[in-house]
Amino acid sequence: MENFPVVDMEKLNGEERGATMAIIQDACENWGFFE
């Protein structure tokens, strides 16, 4: 069983913004939108 992605939204304000956006994109495309 796969674990659903957990996204730390705080990282959108820092240097990891690009990587965090990629995680959000993957989560939306492969898991559906936020619940």
PDB file of N, CA and C in Angstrom:
ATOM      1  N   MET A   1       0.842  -1.183   0.000  1.00  0.00           N
ATOM      2  CA  MET A   1       0.000   0.000   0.000  1.00  0.00           C
ATOM      3  C   MET A   1       0.886   1.245   0.000  1.00  0.00           C
ATOM      4  N   GLU A   2       0.616   2.151  -0.906  1.00  0.00           N
ATOM      5  CA  GLU A   2       1.389   3.390  -0.988  1.00  0.00           C
ATOM      6  C   GLU A   2       0.880   4.402   0.033  1.00  0.00           C
ATOM      7  N   ASN A   3       1.797   5.221   0.508  1.00  0.00           N
ATOM      8  CA  ASN A   3       1.419   6.325   1.391  1.00  0.00           C
ATOM      9  C   ASN A   3       1.095   7.542   0.547  1.00  0.00           C
ATOM     10  N   PHE A   4       0.047   8.244   0.915  1.00  0.00           N
ATOM     11  CA  PHE A   4      -0.284   9.459   0.176  1.00  0.00           C
ATOM     12  C   PHE A   4       0.713  10.553   0.553  1.00  0.00           C
ATOM     13  N   PRO A   5       0.962  11.471  -0.379  1.00  0.00           N
ATOM     14  CA  PRO A   5       1.960  12.510  -0.132  1.00  0.00           C
ATOM     15  C   PRO A   5       1.500  13.534   0.905  1.00  0.00           C
ATOM     16  N   VAL A   6       2.426  13.930   1.744  1.00  0.00           N
ATOM     17  CA  VAL A   6       2.192  14.989   2.719  1.00  0.00           C
ATOM     18  C   VAL A   6       3.071  16.162   2.299  1.00  0.00           C
ATOM     19  N   VAL A   7       2.466  17.315   2.082  1.00  0.00           N
ATOM     20  CA  VAL A   7       3.187  18.474   1.572  1.00  0.00           C
ATOM     21  C   VAL A   7       3.295  19.528   2.669  1.00  0.00           C
ATOM     22  N   ASP A   8       4.514  19.952   2.953  1.00  0.00           N
ATOM     23  CA  ASP A   8       4.751  21.021   3.924  1.00  0.00           C
ATOM     24  C   ASP A   8       4.601  22.355   3.195  1.00  0.00           C
ATOM     25  N   MET A   9       3.444  22.992   3.353  1.00  0.00           N
ATOM     26  CA  MET A   9       3.148  24.233   2.639  1.00  0.00           C
ATOM     27  C   MET A   9       4.058  25.383   3.057  1.00  0.00           C
ATOM     28  N   GLU A  10       4.652  25.288   4.217  1.00  0.00           N
ATOM     29  CA  GLU A  10       5.590  26.313   4.702  1.00  0.00           C
ATOM     30  C   GLU A  10       6.766  26.475   3.734  1.00  0.00           C
ATOM     31  N   LYS A  11       7.150  25.391   3.073  1.00  0.00           N
ATOM     32  CA  LYS A  11       8.300  25.427   2.164  1.00  0.00           C
ATOM     33  C   LYS A  11       8.028  26.212   0.886  1.00  0.00           C
ATOM     34  N   LEU A  12       6.769  26.573   0.643  1.00  0.00           N
ATOM     35  CA  LEU A  12       6.455  27.394  -0.525  1.00  0.00           C
ATOM     36  C   LEU A  12       7.035  28.799  -0.393  1.00  0.00           C
ATOM     37  N   ASN A  13       7.353  29.214   0.820  1.00  0.00           N
ATOM     38  CA  ASN A  13       7.884  30.554   1.063  1.00  0.00           C
ATOM     39  C   ASN A  13       9.402  30.606   1.087  1.00  0.00           C
ATOM     40  N   GLY A  14      10.061  29.482   0.884  1.00  0.00           N
ATOM     41  CA  GLY A  14      11.515  29.468   0.997  1.00  0.00           C
ATOM     42  C   GLY A  14      12.203  29.021  -0.276  1.00  0.00           C
ATOM     43  N   GLU A  15      13.437  28.607  -0.108  1.00  0.00           N
ATOM     44  CA  GLU A  15      14.265  28.193  -1.237  1.00  0.00           C
ATOM     45  C   GLU A  15      13.796  26.889  -1.870  1.00  0.00           C
ATOM     46  N   GLU A  16      12.974  26.133  -1.162  1.00  0.00           N
ATOM     47  CA  GLU A  16      12.504  24.848  -1.672  1.00  0.00           C
ATOM     48  C   GLU A  16      11.177  24.970  -2.424  1.00  0.00           C
ATOM     49  N   ARG A  17      10.839  26.185  -2.826  1.00  0.00           N
ATOM     50  CA  ARG A  17       9.559  26.427  -3.502  1.00  0.00           C
ATOM     51  C   ARG A  17       9.389  25.559  -4.753  1.00  0.00           C
ATOM     52  N   GLY A  18      10.395  25.503  -5.593  1.00  0.00           N
ATOM     53  CA  GLY A  18      10.300  24.728  -6.835  1.00  0.00           C
ATOM     54  C   GLY A  18      10.063  23.252  -6.579  1.00  0.00           C
ATOM     55  N   ALA A  19      10.812  22.694  -5.640  1.00  0.00           N
ATOM     56  CA  ALA A  19      10.659  21.276  -5.304  1.00  0.00           C
ATOM     57  C   ALA A  19       9.284  21.011  -4.694  1.00  0.00           C
ATOM     58  N   THR A  20       8.819  21.935  -3.866  1.00  0.00           N
ATOM     59  CA  THR A  20       7.509  21.774  -3.234  1.00  0.00           C
ATOM     60  C   THR A  20       6.400  21.859  -4.274  1.00  0.00           C
ATOM     61  N   MET A  21       6.532  22.766  -5.221  1.00  0.00           N
ATOM     62  CA  MET A  21       5.541  22.868  -6.294  1.00  0.00           C
ATOM     63  C   MET A  21       5.496  21.580  -7.112  1.00  0.00           C
ATOM     64  N   ALA A  22       6.650  20.964  -7.335  1.00  0.00           N
ATOM     65  CA  ALA A  22       6.699  19.697  -8.068  1.00  0.00           C
ATOM     66  C   ALA A  22       5.976  18.592  -7.296  1.00  0.00           C
ATOM     67  N   ILE A  23       6.132  18.584  -5.982  1.00  0.00           N
ATOM     68  CA  ILE A  23       5.441  17.596  -5.147  1.00  0.00           C
ATOM     69  C   ILE A  23       3.933  17.819  -5.214  1.00  0.00           C
ATOM     70  N   ILE A  24       3.508  19.082  -5.156  1.00  0.00           N
ATOM     71  CA  ILE A  24       2.082  19.402  -5.242  1.00  0.00           C
ATOM     72  C   ILE A  24       1.528  18.985  -6.601  1.00  0.00           C
ATOM     73  N   GLN A  25       2.260  19.268  -7.661  1.00  0.00           N
ATOM     74  CA  GLN A  25       1.818  18.890  -9.001  1.00  0.00           C
ATOM     75  C   GLN A  25       1.657  17.381  -9.107  1.00  0.00           C
ATOM     76  N   ASP A  26       2.647  16.639  -8.626  1.00  0.00           N
ATOM     77  CA  ASP A  26       2.583  15.179  -8.664  1.00  0.00           C
ATOM     78  C   ASP A  26       1.393  14.666  -7.853  1.00  0.00           C
ATOM     79  N   ALA A  27       1.187  15.246  -6.675  1.00  0.00           N
ATOM     80  CA  ALA A  27       0.078  14.818  -5.818  1.00  0.00           C
ATOM     81  C   ALA A  27      -1.266  15.065  -6.501  1.00  0.00           C
ATOM     82  N   CYS A  28      -1.411  16.212  -7.136  1.00  0.00           N
ATOM     83  CA  CYS A  28      -2.667  16.537  -7.817  1.00  0.00           C
ATOM     84  C   CYS A  28      -2.910  15.621  -9.013  1.00  0.00           C
ATOM     85  N   GLU A  29      -1.858  15.337  -9.775  1.00  0.00           N
ATOM     86  CA  GLU A  29      -2.001  14.510 -10.970  1.00  0.00           C
ATOM     87  C   GLU A  29      -2.218  13.039 -10.641  1.00  0.00           C
ATOM     88  N   ASN A  30      -1.565  12.545  -9.597  1.00  0.00           N
ATOM     89  CA  ASN A  30      -1.586  11.115  -9.316  1.00  0.00           C
ATOM     90  C   ASN A  30      -2.494  10.702  -8.163  1.00  0.00           C
ATOM     91  N   TRP A  31      -2.858  11.627  -7.318  1.00  0.00           N
ATOM     92  CA  TRP A  31      -3.670  11.301  -6.151  1.00  0.00           C
ATOM     93  C   TRP A  31      -4.995  12.051  -6.115  1.00  0.00           C
ATOM     94  N   GLY A  32      -5.151  13.063  -6.916  1.00  0.00           N
ATOM     95  CA  GLY A  32      -6.345  13.905  -6.835  1.00  0.00           C
ATOM     96  C   GLY A  32      -6.031  15.137  -6.003  1.00  0.00           C
ATOM     97  N   PHE A  33      -6.987  16.033  -5.895  1.00  0.00           N
ATOM     98  CA  PHE A  33      -6.735  17.281  -5.193  1.00  0.00           C
ATOM     99  C   PHE A  33      -6.834  17.075  -3.693  1.00  0.00           C
ATOM    100  N   PHE A  34      -6.563  18.112  -2.940  1.00  0.00           N
ATOM    101  CA  PHE A  34      -6.518  18.040  -1.476  1.00  0.00           C
ATOM    102  C   PHE A  34      -7.875  17.683  -0.877  1.00  0.00           C
ATOM    103  N   GLU A  35      -7.824  16.992   0.244  1.00  0.00           N
ATOM    104  CA  GLU A  35      -9.038  16.672   1.003  1.00  0.00           C
ATOM    105  C   GLU A  35      -9.043  17.459   2.276  1.00  0.00           C
TER     106      GLU A  35
END
